[in-house]
Amino acid sequence: MRIKVCGMTQPEQVAQLASFGVAFAGFIFYPKSPRYVFKHMTTTQIRKENSINKVGVFVNAPIEEVLHMVDECRLHMVQLHGDESPKYCEKIADYVSVVKAFRMSENDSPQWMIRPYMDVCDMFMFDTMGAGYGGTGKKFDWHMLKDNVIGKPFFLSGGLEPGDEGALKDFTKEEVSKALFAIDINSKFETSPGVKDLEMVKNFAQKILGI
């Protein structure tokens, strides 16, 4: 099990994540997000951070902008959280690893949603449908995935919070979890948007990773 902490905005906090066993730090490049990284960090600060895998989160951004930020910030992976088409994803995936996020409501079929993207993305992410783009903080119903074969590594997102450790471990026993690559945490581990409660992150990581 790997952990990604998304919505990072504080360089000194990013620098501590790896010591907790966290594998990925997410930086949001969506100007309308309250966790928009350029309100707090520069491209140089992001580029210099080399203690952890860096994931850039984009929403319907021009392809040229995404690729430019990959180079400028030395991102290891790109997470696409908007209405990006399979063709769009393919162009990005020719350059860097792509995680396509799907915002799901209770009547959606995961396999139907991911099918057009199977050959053009490296991984998927499943999150809760909300009014806007990006994370909603609302709990995702993991059981929607239960009887599906995802066929690609995937991130599990959507309102994960302290206290979910036991339910997450139970979920990993499901057949679909053979493809579970990482879990994604964000707003439930904050003191304010983009500012994490590192003690909460550390405790959660220790329980999930068994360290």
N, C-alpha and C. Protein backbone atom coordinates (compact mmCIF):
# COMPACT_ATOMS: atom_id res chain seq x y z
N MET A 1 0.84 -1.20 0.00
CA MET A 1 0.00 0.00 0.00
C MET A 1 0.88 1.25 0.00
N ARG A 2 0.59 2.16 -0.89
CA ARG A 2 1.32 3.42 -0.94
C ARG A 2 0.37 4.55 -0.56
N ILE A 3 0.93 5.65 -0.12
CA ILE A 3 0.14 6.81 0.27
C ILE A 3 0.56 8.03 -0.53
N LYS A 4 -0.45 8.76 -1.02
CA LYS A 4 -0.22 10.05 -1.67
C LYS A 4 -0.92 11.11 -0.83
N VAL A 5 -0.20 12.17 -0.51
CA VAL A 5 -0.80 13.31 0.18
C VAL A 5 -0.95 14.42 -0.85
N CYS A 6 -2.18 14.80 -1.12
CA CYS A 6 -2.43 15.76 -2.19
C CYS A 6 -2.69 17.15 -1.61
N GLY A 7 -2.61 18.15 -2.49
CA GLY A 7 -2.88 19.53 -2.09
C GLY A 7 -1.78 20.14 -1.24
N MET A 8 -0.54 19.73 -1.48
CA MET A 8 0.58 20.28 -0.72
C MET A 8 0.88 21.71 -1.17
N THR A 9 1.14 22.58 -0.19
CA THR A 9 1.45 23.98 -0.51
C THR A 9 2.64 24.52 0.30
N GLN A 10 3.10 23.76 1.30
CA GLN A 10 4.15 24.26 2.19
C GLN A 10 5.43 23.45 1.99
N PRO A 11 6.50 24.09 1.49
CA PRO A 11 7.74 23.36 1.22
C PRO A 11 8.27 22.57 2.41
N GLU A 12 8.18 23.16 3.61
CA GLU A 12 8.72 22.48 4.79
C GLU A 12 7.90 21.24 5.13
N GLN A 13 6.61 21.23 4.78
CA GLN A 13 5.80 20.04 5.01
C GLN A 13 6.09 18.96 3.96
N VAL A 14 6.26 19.38 2.72
CA VAL A 14 6.60 18.43 1.66
C VAL A 14 7.87 17.67 2.03
N ALA A 15 8.83 18.39 2.58
CA ALA A 15 10.13 17.80 2.90
C ALA A 15 10.04 16.73 3.98
N GLN A 16 8.96 16.73 4.77
CA GLN A 16 8.84 15.75 5.85
C GLN A 16 8.07 14.49 5.47
N LEU A 17 7.34 14.52 4.37
CA LEU A 17 6.43 13.41 4.05
C LEU A 17 7.15 12.07 3.90
N ALA A 18 8.28 12.07 3.22
CA ALA A 18 8.98 10.80 2.96
C ALA A 18 9.37 10.11 4.26
N SER A 19 9.67 10.89 5.31
CA SER A 19 10.08 10.29 6.58
C SER A 19 8.93 9.55 7.25
N PHE A 20 7.69 9.83 6.81
CA PHE A 20 6.52 9.11 7.34
C PHE A 20 6.21 7.86 6.51
N GLY A 21 6.94 7.65 5.43
CA GLY A 21 6.66 6.53 4.54
C GLY A 21 5.75 6.90 3.38
N VAL A 22 5.38 8.19 3.27
CA VAL A 22 4.53 8.65 2.17
C VAL A 22 5.33 8.61 0.87
N ALA A 23 4.70 8.11 -0.19
CA ALA A 23 5.41 7.91 -1.46
C ALA A 23 5.22 9.06 -2.45
N PHE A 24 4.07 9.75 -2.38
CA PHE A 24 3.74 10.77 -3.39
C PHE A 24 3.22 12.05 -2.73
N ALA A 25 3.65 13.17 -3.28
CA ALA A 25 3.10 14.47 -2.90
C ALA A 25 2.39 15.05 -4.10
N GLY A 26 1.16 15.50 -3.90
CA GLY A 26 0.37 16.07 -4.99
C GLY A 26 0.36 17.59 -4.93
N PHE A 27 0.60 18.22 -6.08
CA PHE A 27 0.58 19.68 -6.19
C PHE A 27 -0.51 20.07 -7.18
N ILE A 28 -1.41 20.95 -6.75
CA ILE A 28 -2.56 21.28 -7.58
C ILE A 28 -2.28 22.51 -8.43
N PHE A 29 -2.36 22.33 -9.74
CA PHE A 29 -2.08 23.39 -10.70
C PHE A 29 -3.38 23.94 -11.30
N TYR A 30 -4.43 23.89 -10.54
CA TYR A 30 -5.74 24.37 -10.97
C TYR A 30 -6.03 25.68 -10.26
N PRO A 31 -6.02 26.81 -10.96
CA PRO A 31 -6.11 28.13 -10.30
C PRO A 31 -7.34 28.32 -9.42
N LYS A 32 -8.42 27.63 -9.70
CA LYS A 32 -9.64 27.82 -8.91
C LYS A 32 -9.64 27.02 -7.61
N SER A 33 -8.64 26.18 -7.43
CA SER A 33 -8.58 25.37 -6.21
C SER A 33 -8.07 26.21 -5.03
N PRO A 34 -8.64 26.00 -3.83
CA PRO A 34 -8.10 26.68 -2.65
C PRO A 34 -6.69 26.19 -2.30
N ARG A 35 -6.27 25.12 -2.94
CA ARG A 35 -4.93 24.57 -2.71
C ARG A 35 -4.01 24.78 -3.94
N TYR A 36 -4.34 25.79 -4.72
CA TYR A 36 -3.54 26.12 -5.91
C TYR A 36 -2.10 26.37 -5.48
N VAL A 37 -1.18 25.58 -5.99
CA VAL A 37 0.18 25.58 -5.46
C VAL A 37 0.90 26.90 -5.67
N PHE A 38 0.61 27.62 -6.77
CA PHE A 38 1.35 28.85 -7.04
C PHE A 38 0.92 30.03 -6.17
N LYS A 39 -0.05 29.82 -5.30
CA LYS A 39 -0.34 30.84 -4.29
C LYS A 39 0.71 30.80 -3.18
N HIS A 40 1.46 29.71 -3.12
CA HIS A 40 2.36 29.48 -1.99
C HIS A 40 3.79 29.12 -2.40
N MET A 41 3.95 28.45 -3.53
CA MET A 41 5.27 27.96 -3.93
C MET A 41 5.59 28.41 -5.36
N THR A 42 6.87 28.49 -5.65
CA THR A 42 7.32 28.82 -6.99
C THR A 42 7.72 27.54 -7.73
N THR A 43 7.86 27.65 -9.02
CA THR A 43 8.32 26.49 -9.80
C THR A 43 9.69 26.02 -9.30
N THR A 44 10.53 26.97 -8.92
CA THR A 44 11.87 26.61 -8.43
C THR A 44 11.79 25.80 -7.15
N GLN A 45 10.90 26.19 -6.24
CA GLN A 45 10.75 25.44 -4.99
C GLN A 45 10.25 24.02 -5.25
N ILE A 46 9.30 23.90 -6.16
CA ILE A 46 8.79 22.56 -6.48
C ILE A 46 9.88 21.73 -7.16
N ARG A 47 10.58 22.35 -8.08
CA ARG A 47 11.63 21.64 -8.82
C ARG A 47 12.72 21.12 -7.89
N LYS A 48 13.07 21.91 -6.88
CA LYS A 48 14.17 21.53 -5.98
C LYS A 48 13.78 20.42 -5.01
N GLU A 49 12.50 20.19 -4.84
CA GLU A 49 12.07 19.14 -3.92
C GLU A 49 12.30 17.78 -4.56
N ASN A 50 13.24 17.02 -4.01
CA ASN A 50 13.57 15.73 -4.62
C ASN A 50 13.53 14.56 -3.64
N SER A 51 12.84 14.77 -2.50
CA SER A 51 12.78 13.70 -1.51
C SER A 51 11.60 12.77 -1.73
N ILE A 52 10.72 13.11 -2.70
CA ILE A 52 9.46 12.37 -2.86
C ILE A 52 9.00 12.43 -4.32
N ASN A 53 8.17 11.50 -4.72
CA ASN A 53 7.60 11.53 -6.07
C ASN A 53 6.57 12.65 -6.17
N LYS A 54 6.71 13.50 -7.18
CA LYS A 54 5.84 14.67 -7.31
C LYS A 54 4.78 14.44 -8.39
N VAL A 55 3.52 14.66 -7.99
CA VAL A 55 2.38 14.48 -8.89
C VAL A 55 1.74 15.84 -9.13
N GLY A 56 1.63 16.24 -10.38
CA GLY A 56 0.97 17.49 -10.73
C GLY A 56 -0.49 17.22 -11.07
N VAL A 57 -1.40 17.94 -10.41
CA VAL A 57 -2.84 17.76 -10.62
C VAL A 57 -3.36 18.90 -11.51
N PHE A 58 -3.94 18.54 -12.65
CA PHE A 58 -4.41 19.51 -13.63
C PHE A 58 -5.88 19.27 -13.95
N VAL A 59 -6.58 20.34 -14.31
CA VAL A 59 -8.00 20.26 -14.68
C VAL A 59 -8.20 20.98 -16.01
N ASN A 60 -8.39 20.21 -17.07
CA ASN A 60 -8.69 20.77 -18.40
C ASN A 60 -7.69 21.84 -18.83
N ALA A 61 -6.43 21.66 -18.50
CA ALA A 61 -5.40 22.63 -18.87
C ALA A 61 -4.92 22.37 -20.30
N PRO A 62 -4.45 23.40 -21.00
CA PRO A 62 -3.87 23.17 -22.33
C PRO A 62 -2.70 22.18 -22.24
N ILE A 63 -2.60 21.32 -23.22
CA ILE A 63 -1.55 20.29 -23.22
C ILE A 63 -0.17 20.92 -23.06
N GLU A 64 0.07 22.02 -23.78
CA GLU A 64 1.38 22.68 -23.73
C GLU A 64 1.70 23.14 -22.31
N GLU A 65 0.68 23.61 -21.61
CA GLU A 65 0.89 24.08 -20.22
C GLU A 65 1.28 22.92 -19.32
N VAL A 66 0.60 21.79 -19.47
CA VAL A 66 0.90 20.62 -18.65
C VAL A 66 2.34 20.17 -18.88
N LEU A 67 2.72 20.04 -20.14
CA LEU A 67 4.06 19.56 -20.45
C LEU A 67 5.13 20.54 -19.98
N HIS A 68 4.81 21.83 -20.08
CA HIS A 68 5.74 22.85 -19.60
C HIS A 68 5.95 22.72 -18.10
N MET A 69 4.88 22.51 -17.35
CA MET A 69 5.00 22.37 -15.91
C MET A 69 5.72 21.08 -15.51
N VAL A 70 5.52 20.03 -16.29
CA VAL A 70 6.25 18.78 -16.03
C VAL A 70 7.75 19.05 -16.07
N ASP A 71 8.18 19.81 -17.07
CA ASP A 71 9.60 20.14 -17.20
C ASP A 71 10.06 21.13 -16.14
N GLU A 72 9.29 22.20 -15.97
CA GLU A 72 9.68 23.27 -15.05
C GLU A 72 9.78 22.78 -13.60
N CYS A 73 8.86 21.92 -13.21
CA CYS A 73 8.80 21.46 -11.82
C CYS A 73 9.36 20.06 -11.62
N ARG A 74 9.80 19.45 -12.73
CA ARG A 74 10.33 18.07 -12.70
C ARG A 74 9.34 17.11 -12.03
N LEU A 75 8.13 17.12 -12.57
CA LEU A 75 7.09 16.25 -12.04
C LEU A 75 7.33 14.81 -12.50
N HIS A 76 7.01 13.86 -11.64
CA HIS A 76 7.17 12.44 -11.97
C HIS A 76 5.91 11.86 -12.60
N MET A 77 4.79 12.53 -12.38
CA MET A 77 3.50 11.97 -12.79
C MET A 77 2.51 13.12 -12.91
N VAL A 78 1.50 12.93 -13.76
CA VAL A 78 0.45 13.92 -13.94
C VAL A 78 -0.90 13.28 -13.64
N GLN A 79 -1.71 13.96 -12.85
CA GLN A 79 -3.06 13.50 -12.53
C GLN A 79 -4.05 14.43 -13.23
N LEU A 80 -4.89 13.88 -14.06
CA LEU A 80 -5.84 14.67 -14.85
C LEU A 80 -7.22 14.53 -14.22
N HIS A 81 -7.73 15.65 -13.71
CA HIS A 81 -8.93 15.60 -12.87
C HIS A 81 -10.13 16.31 -13.50
N GLY A 82 -10.07 16.56 -14.81
CA GLY A 82 -11.17 17.25 -15.46
C GLY A 82 -11.91 16.36 -16.45
N ASP A 83 -12.25 16.95 -17.60
CA ASP A 83 -12.99 16.22 -18.63
C ASP A 83 -12.08 15.84 -19.80
N GLU A 84 -10.84 15.56 -19.49
CA GLU A 84 -9.86 15.28 -20.54
C GLU A 84 -10.25 14.05 -21.36
N SER A 85 -10.15 14.17 -22.67
CA SER A 85 -10.51 13.08 -23.59
C SER A 85 -9.40 12.03 -23.64
N PRO A 86 -9.71 10.84 -24.13
CA PRO A 86 -8.66 9.84 -24.30
C PRO A 86 -7.52 10.35 -25.18
N LYS A 87 -7.84 11.09 -26.24
CA LYS A 87 -6.80 11.60 -27.13
C LYS A 87 -5.88 12.58 -26.39
N TYR A 88 -6.47 13.43 -25.57
CA TYR A 88 -5.71 14.37 -24.75
C TYR A 88 -4.76 13.58 -23.83
N CYS A 89 -5.31 12.58 -23.14
CA CYS A 89 -4.50 11.79 -22.21
C CYS A 89 -3.35 11.10 -22.92
N GLU A 90 -3.61 10.62 -24.10
CA GLU A 90 -2.57 9.93 -24.86
C GLU A 90 -1.40 10.85 -25.17
N LYS A 91 -1.70 12.09 -25.52
CA LYS A 91 -0.63 13.05 -25.83
C LYS A 91 0.24 13.34 -24.60
N ILE A 92 -0.41 13.44 -23.45
CA ILE A 92 0.35 13.66 -22.22
C ILE A 92 1.15 12.41 -21.85
N ALA A 93 0.52 11.24 -22.03
CA ALA A 93 1.15 9.98 -21.64
C ALA A 93 2.35 9.63 -22.50
N ASP A 94 2.46 10.25 -23.67
CA ASP A 94 3.65 10.06 -24.49
C ASP A 94 4.87 10.71 -23.85
N TYR A 95 4.62 11.58 -22.86
CA TYR A 95 5.70 12.37 -22.26
C TYR A 95 5.95 12.03 -20.80
N VAL A 96 4.89 11.69 -20.07
CA VAL A 96 5.00 11.45 -18.63
C VAL A 96 3.87 10.49 -18.23
N SER A 97 4.05 9.81 -17.10
CA SER A 97 3.00 8.90 -16.61
C SER A 97 1.73 9.67 -16.28
N VAL A 98 0.58 9.11 -16.66
CA VAL A 98 -0.71 9.78 -16.50
C VAL A 98 -1.64 8.96 -15.60
N VAL A 99 -2.21 9.65 -14.62
CA VAL A 99 -3.29 9.11 -13.79
C VAL A 99 -4.56 9.85 -14.19
N LYS A 100 -5.55 9.14 -14.71
CA LYS A 100 -6.83 9.78 -15.05
C LYS A 100 -7.80 9.58 -13.89
N ALA A 101 -8.31 10.69 -13.37
CA ALA A 101 -9.26 10.64 -12.26
C ALA A 101 -10.69 10.62 -12.77
N PHE A 102 -11.52 9.84 -12.12
CA PHE A 102 -12.94 9.75 -12.46
C PHE A 102 -13.76 10.12 -11.23
N ARG A 103 -14.62 11.10 -11.39
CA ARG A 103 -15.52 11.52 -10.31
C ARG A 103 -16.82 10.75 -10.49
N MET A 104 -17.13 9.94 -9.52
CA MET A 104 -18.20 8.97 -9.72
C MET A 104 -19.39 9.23 -8.81
N SER A 105 -20.58 9.08 -9.39
CA SER A 105 -21.81 9.09 -8.60
C SER A 105 -22.25 7.63 -8.41
N GLU A 106 -23.26 7.42 -7.59
CA GLU A 106 -23.62 6.05 -7.20
C GLU A 106 -24.14 5.20 -8.34
N ASN A 107 -24.59 5.82 -9.44
CA ASN A 107 -25.13 5.05 -10.56
C ASN A 107 -24.13 4.81 -11.68
N ASP A 108 -22.91 5.31 -11.49
CA ASP A 108 -21.90 5.15 -12.55
C ASP A 108 -21.30 3.74 -12.55
N SER A 109 -20.93 3.29 -13.74
CA SER A 109 -20.23 2.01 -13.87
C SER A 109 -18.74 2.28 -14.07
N PRO A 110 -17.90 1.85 -13.11
CA PRO A 110 -16.47 2.09 -13.26
C PRO A 110 -15.91 1.54 -14.57
N GLN A 111 -16.30 0.34 -14.93
CA GLN A 111 -15.74 -0.26 -16.15
C GLN A 111 -16.17 0.48 -17.41
N TRP A 112 -17.40 0.99 -17.40
CA TRP A 112 -17.87 1.77 -18.55
C TRP A 112 -17.08 3.07 -18.66
N MET A 113 -16.79 3.70 -17.52
CA MET A 113 -16.08 4.98 -17.53
C MET A 113 -14.62 4.84 -17.96
N ILE A 114 -13.97 3.78 -17.52
CA ILE A 114 -12.54 3.66 -17.78
C ILE A 114 -12.23 3.06 -19.15
N ARG A 115 -13.21 2.38 -19.75
CA ARG A 115 -12.93 1.64 -20.99
C ARG A 115 -12.24 2.48 -22.08
N PRO A 116 -12.70 3.70 -22.38
CA PRO A 116 -12.05 4.48 -23.45
C PRO A 116 -10.62 4.89 -23.12
N TYR A 117 -10.25 4.78 -21.84
CA TYR A 117 -8.93 5.26 -21.39
C TYR A 117 -7.93 4.14 -21.14
N MET A 118 -8.37 2.91 -21.32
CA MET A 118 -7.52 1.77 -20.95
C MET A 118 -6.16 1.77 -21.65
N ASP A 119 -6.16 2.15 -22.92
CA ASP A 119 -4.92 2.06 -23.70
C ASP A 119 -4.10 3.34 -23.71
N VAL A 120 -4.61 4.40 -23.03
CA VAL A 120 -3.92 5.69 -23.14
C VAL A 120 -3.48 6.26 -21.80
N CYS A 121 -3.80 5.61 -20.69
CA CYS A 121 -3.41 6.09 -19.37
C CYS A 121 -2.64 5.00 -18.63
N ASP A 122 -1.81 5.42 -17.71
CA ASP A 122 -1.01 4.46 -16.94
C ASP A 122 -1.75 3.96 -15.71
N MET A 123 -2.52 4.86 -15.10
CA MET A 123 -3.25 4.51 -13.89
C MET A 123 -4.57 5.28 -13.86
N PHE A 124 -5.44 4.87 -12.92
CA PHE A 124 -6.71 5.55 -12.72
C PHE A 124 -6.82 6.00 -11.27
N MET A 125 -7.75 6.93 -11.04
CA MET A 125 -8.11 7.33 -9.69
C MET A 125 -9.63 7.43 -9.61
N PHE A 126 -10.18 6.97 -8.50
CA PHE A 126 -11.62 7.02 -8.29
C PHE A 126 -11.93 7.94 -7.12
N ASP A 127 -12.80 8.92 -7.40
CA ASP A 127 -13.14 9.95 -6.43
C ASP A 127 -14.65 10.17 -6.46
N THR A 128 -15.14 11.01 -5.56
CA THR A 128 -16.57 11.26 -5.45
C THR A 128 -17.01 12.40 -6.36
N MET A 129 -18.13 12.24 -7.01
CA MET A 129 -18.70 13.30 -7.83
C MET A 129 -19.09 14.49 -6.95
N GLY A 130 -18.75 15.70 -7.42
CA GLY A 130 -19.11 16.91 -6.68
C GLY A 130 -19.50 18.00 -7.65
N ALA A 131 -19.82 19.16 -7.12
CA ALA A 131 -20.29 20.27 -7.95
C ALA A 131 -19.17 20.83 -8.82
N GLY A 132 -17.96 20.88 -8.29
CA GLY A 132 -16.84 21.44 -9.05
C GLY A 132 -15.83 20.36 -9.39
N TYR A 133 -14.68 20.82 -9.88
CA TYR A 133 -13.60 19.88 -10.20
C TYR A 133 -12.69 19.71 -8.98
N GLY A 134 -11.91 18.64 -9.04
CA GLY A 134 -10.99 18.38 -7.94
C GLY A 134 -11.69 17.61 -6.84
N GLY A 135 -10.98 17.43 -5.73
CA GLY A 135 -11.52 16.65 -4.63
C GLY A 135 -12.69 17.36 -3.95
N THR A 136 -13.63 16.58 -3.47
CA THR A 136 -14.80 17.14 -2.81
C THR A 136 -14.72 17.01 -1.30
N GLY A 137 -13.87 16.11 -0.83
CA GLY A 137 -13.85 15.80 0.60
C GLY A 137 -14.95 14.86 1.02
N LYS A 138 -15.86 14.52 0.08
CA LYS A 138 -16.95 13.60 0.37
C LYS A 138 -16.45 12.16 0.29
N LYS A 139 -16.99 11.34 1.16
CA LYS A 139 -16.57 9.94 1.21
C LYS A 139 -16.94 9.20 -0.07
N PHE A 140 -15.97 8.49 -0.63
CA PHE A 140 -16.22 7.67 -1.82
C PHE A 140 -16.67 6.29 -1.37
N ASP A 141 -17.68 5.77 -2.03
CA ASP A 141 -18.18 4.43 -1.71
C ASP A 141 -17.32 3.40 -2.43
N TRP A 142 -16.34 2.86 -1.71
CA TRP A 142 -15.41 1.91 -2.32
C TRP A 142 -16.11 0.68 -2.88
N HIS A 143 -17.27 0.35 -2.32
CA HIS A 143 -17.97 -0.87 -2.74
C HIS A 143 -18.44 -0.79 -4.19
N MET A 144 -18.46 0.42 -4.74
CA MET A 144 -18.80 0.56 -6.16
C MET A 144 -17.79 -0.18 -7.04
N LEU A 145 -16.59 -0.36 -6.53
CA LEU A 145 -15.52 -1.00 -7.30
C LEU A 145 -15.50 -2.51 -7.11
N LYS A 146 -16.20 -2.97 -6.10
CA LYS A 146 -16.05 -4.33 -5.59
C LYS A 146 -16.11 -5.43 -6.65
N ASP A 147 -17.09 -5.38 -7.52
CA ASP A 147 -17.28 -6.47 -8.47
C ASP A 147 -16.73 -6.14 -9.86
N ASN A 148 -15.79 -5.21 -9.89
CA ASN A 148 -15.20 -4.79 -11.17
C ASN A 148 -13.77 -5.29 -11.31
N VAL A 149 -13.36 -5.45 -12.55
CA VAL A 149 -11.96 -5.72 -12.86
C VAL A 149 -11.41 -4.43 -13.47
N ILE A 150 -10.55 -3.75 -12.74
CA ILE A 150 -10.09 -2.44 -13.19
C ILE A 150 -9.07 -2.57 -14.33
N GLY A 151 -8.17 -3.53 -14.22
CA GLY A 151 -7.24 -3.78 -15.32
C GLY A 151 -6.05 -2.84 -15.38
N LYS A 152 -5.98 -1.88 -14.48
CA LYS A 152 -4.86 -0.95 -14.38
C LYS A 152 -4.65 -0.63 -12.90
N PRO A 153 -3.44 -0.27 -12.53
CA PRO A 153 -3.25 0.18 -11.15
C PRO A 153 -4.13 1.41 -10.89
N PHE A 154 -4.66 1.52 -9.67
CA PHE A 154 -5.52 2.67 -9.39
C PHE A 154 -5.27 3.24 -8.00
N PHE A 155 -5.58 4.54 -7.89
CA PHE A 155 -5.55 5.26 -6.62
C PHE A 155 -6.98 5.29 -6.08
N LEU A 156 -7.10 5.18 -4.77
CA LEU A 156 -8.39 5.30 -4.11
C LEU A 156 -8.42 6.64 -3.39
N SER A 157 -9.42 7.46 -3.70
CA SER A 157 -9.51 8.80 -3.14
C SER A 157 -10.91 9.02 -2.59
N GLY A 158 -11.21 10.27 -2.24
CA GLY A 158 -12.57 10.62 -1.84
C GLY A 158 -12.82 10.62 -0.36
N GLY A 159 -12.43 11.69 0.31
CA GLY A 159 -12.80 11.88 1.72
C GLY A 159 -12.18 10.91 2.69
N LEU A 160 -11.05 10.33 2.36
CA LEU A 160 -10.39 9.43 3.30
C LEU A 160 -9.96 10.23 4.52
N GLU A 161 -10.11 9.63 5.70
CA GLU A 161 -9.86 10.38 6.93
C GLU A 161 -9.30 9.47 8.02
N PRO A 162 -8.76 10.07 9.09
CA PRO A 162 -8.32 9.26 10.23
C PRO A 162 -9.49 8.41 10.74
N GLY A 163 -9.20 7.16 11.02
CA GLY A 163 -10.25 6.24 11.43
C GLY A 163 -10.66 5.29 10.33
N ASP A 164 -10.23 5.58 9.09
CA ASP A 164 -10.56 4.71 7.96
C ASP A 164 -9.59 3.55 7.79
N GLU A 165 -8.58 3.48 8.63
CA GLU A 165 -7.51 2.50 8.42
C GLU A 165 -8.05 1.06 8.39
N GLY A 166 -8.93 0.73 9.32
CA GLY A 166 -9.46 -0.63 9.36
C GLY A 166 -10.29 -0.97 8.15
N ALA A 167 -11.15 -0.04 7.72
CA ALA A 167 -11.98 -0.28 6.54
C ALA A 167 -11.13 -0.40 5.29
N LEU A 168 -10.07 0.38 5.23
CA LEU A 168 -9.17 0.29 4.08
C LEU A 168 -8.47 -1.07 4.03
N LYS A 169 -8.05 -1.54 5.18
CA LYS A 169 -7.39 -2.86 5.22
C LYS A 169 -8.36 -3.96 4.82
N ASP A 170 -9.62 -3.81 5.22
CA ASP A 170 -10.63 -4.78 4.81
C ASP A 170 -10.83 -4.74 3.29
N PHE A 171 -10.84 -3.52 2.74
CA PHE A 171 -11.02 -3.36 1.30
C PHE A 171 -9.88 -4.02 0.52
N THR A 172 -8.69 -4.02 1.08
CA THR A 172 -7.55 -4.61 0.37
C THR A 172 -7.69 -6.12 0.22
N LYS A 173 -8.61 -6.72 0.95
CA LYS A 173 -8.84 -8.17 0.81
C LYS A 173 -9.76 -8.49 -0.36
N GLU A 174 -10.42 -7.46 -0.92
CA GLU A 174 -11.30 -7.67 -2.06
C GLU A 174 -10.48 -7.96 -3.32
N GLU A 175 -11.05 -8.73 -4.22
CA GLU A 175 -10.35 -9.09 -5.45
C GLU A 175 -9.91 -7.87 -6.25
N VAL A 176 -10.77 -6.85 -6.30
CA VAL A 176 -10.44 -5.66 -7.09
C VAL A 176 -9.19 -4.96 -6.57
N SER A 177 -8.87 -5.15 -5.29
CA SER A 177 -7.74 -4.45 -4.68
C SER A 177 -6.39 -5.00 -5.10
N LYS A 178 -6.39 -6.07 -5.88
CA LYS A 178 -5.12 -6.53 -6.44
C LYS A 178 -4.48 -5.44 -7.30
N ALA A 179 -5.32 -4.55 -7.83
CA ALA A 179 -4.81 -3.46 -8.66
C ALA A 179 -4.70 -2.15 -7.89
N LEU A 180 -5.00 -2.16 -6.58
CA LEU A 180 -4.91 -0.93 -5.79
C LEU A 180 -3.45 -0.52 -5.65
N PHE A 181 -3.11 0.64 -6.21
CA PHE A 181 -1.73 1.11 -6.22
C PHE A 181 -1.44 2.00 -5.02
N ALA A 182 -2.36 2.88 -4.69
CA ALA A 182 -2.12 3.83 -3.60
C ALA A 182 -3.44 4.42 -3.13
N ILE A 183 -3.42 4.98 -1.94
CA ILE A 183 -4.55 5.74 -1.44
C ILE A 183 -4.15 7.21 -1.38
N ASP A 184 -5.15 8.06 -1.57
CA ASP A 184 -4.92 9.50 -1.73
C ASP A 184 -5.64 10.24 -0.61
N ILE A 185 -4.89 10.98 0.21
CA ILE A 185 -5.51 11.74 1.30
C ILE A 185 -5.27 13.23 1.09
N ASN A 186 -6.20 14.03 1.64
CA ASN A 186 -6.09 15.46 1.42
C ASN A 186 -6.80 16.24 2.54
N SER A 187 -8.01 16.69 2.28
CA SER A 187 -8.64 17.71 3.12
C SER A 187 -8.92 17.28 4.55
N LYS A 188 -9.12 15.99 4.79
CA LYS A 188 -9.43 15.53 6.14
C LYS A 188 -8.18 15.50 7.04
N PHE A 189 -7.05 15.87 6.48
CA PHE A 189 -5.78 15.89 7.22
C PHE A 189 -5.20 17.30 7.25
N GLU A 190 -6.08 18.29 7.27
CA GLU A 190 -5.63 19.68 7.19
C GLU A 190 -6.11 20.51 8.38
N THR A 191 -5.33 21.56 8.65
CA THR A 191 -5.76 22.58 9.60
C THR A 191 -6.40 23.74 8.85
N SER A 192 -6.02 23.92 7.59
CA SER A 192 -6.63 24.89 6.67
C SER A 192 -6.26 24.42 5.26
N PRO A 193 -6.94 24.90 4.21
CA PRO A 193 -6.67 24.40 2.86
C PRO A 193 -5.19 24.48 2.48
N GLY A 194 -4.60 23.32 2.21
CA GLY A 194 -3.21 23.25 1.79
C GLY A 194 -2.21 23.14 2.92
N VAL A 195 -2.67 23.29 4.16
CA VAL A 195 -1.78 23.17 5.33
C VAL A 195 -2.15 21.88 6.07
N LYS A 196 -1.25 20.92 6.07
CA LYS A 196 -1.56 19.61 6.64
C LYS A 196 -1.28 19.56 8.14
N ASP A 197 -2.03 18.72 8.81
CA ASP A 197 -1.72 18.35 10.19
C ASP A 197 -0.79 17.15 10.09
N LEU A 198 0.49 17.41 10.17
CA LEU A 198 1.47 16.35 9.89
C LEU A 198 1.42 15.23 10.91
N GLU A 199 0.99 15.52 12.12
CA GLU A 199 0.88 14.46 13.11
C GLU A 199 -0.22 13.48 12.71
N MET A 200 -1.32 14.01 12.17
CA MET A 200 -2.40 13.15 11.68
C MET A 200 -1.92 12.31 10.50
N VAL A 201 -1.19 12.94 9.59
CA VAL A 201 -0.66 12.22 8.43
C VAL A 201 0.28 11.10 8.88
N LYS A 202 1.15 11.43 9.81
CA LYS A 202 2.12 10.46 10.31
C LYS A 202 1.43 9.27 10.97
N ASN A 203 0.46 9.54 11.85
CA ASN A 203 -0.26 8.46 12.53
C ASN A 203 -1.01 7.57 11.55
N PHE A 204 -1.66 8.20 10.58
CA PHE A 204 -2.38 7.44 9.57
C PHE A 204 -1.43 6.55 8.78
N ALA A 205 -0.31 7.13 8.34
CA ALA A 205 0.68 6.37 7.57
C ALA A 205 1.22 5.19 8.36
N GLN A 206 1.50 5.41 9.64
CA GLN A 206 2.03 4.33 10.46
C GLN A 206 1.04 3.16 10.55
N LYS A 207 -0.24 3.49 10.71
CA LYS A 207 -1.25 2.43 10.83
C LYS A 207 -1.46 1.70 9.50
N ILE A 208 -1.45 2.45 8.41
CA ILE A 208 -1.66 1.83 7.10
C ILE A 208 -0.46 1.01 6.66
N LEU A 209 0.72 1.55 6.90
CA LEU A 209 1.94 0.91 6.40
C LEU A 209 2.54 -0.06 7.42
N GLY A 210 2.03 0.00 8.65
CA GLY A 210 2.57 -0.89 9.67
C GLY A 210 3.98 -0.55 10.09
N ILE A 211 4.28 0.76 10.17
CA ILE A 211 5.64 1.17 10.56
C ILE A 211 5.61 1.97 11.85
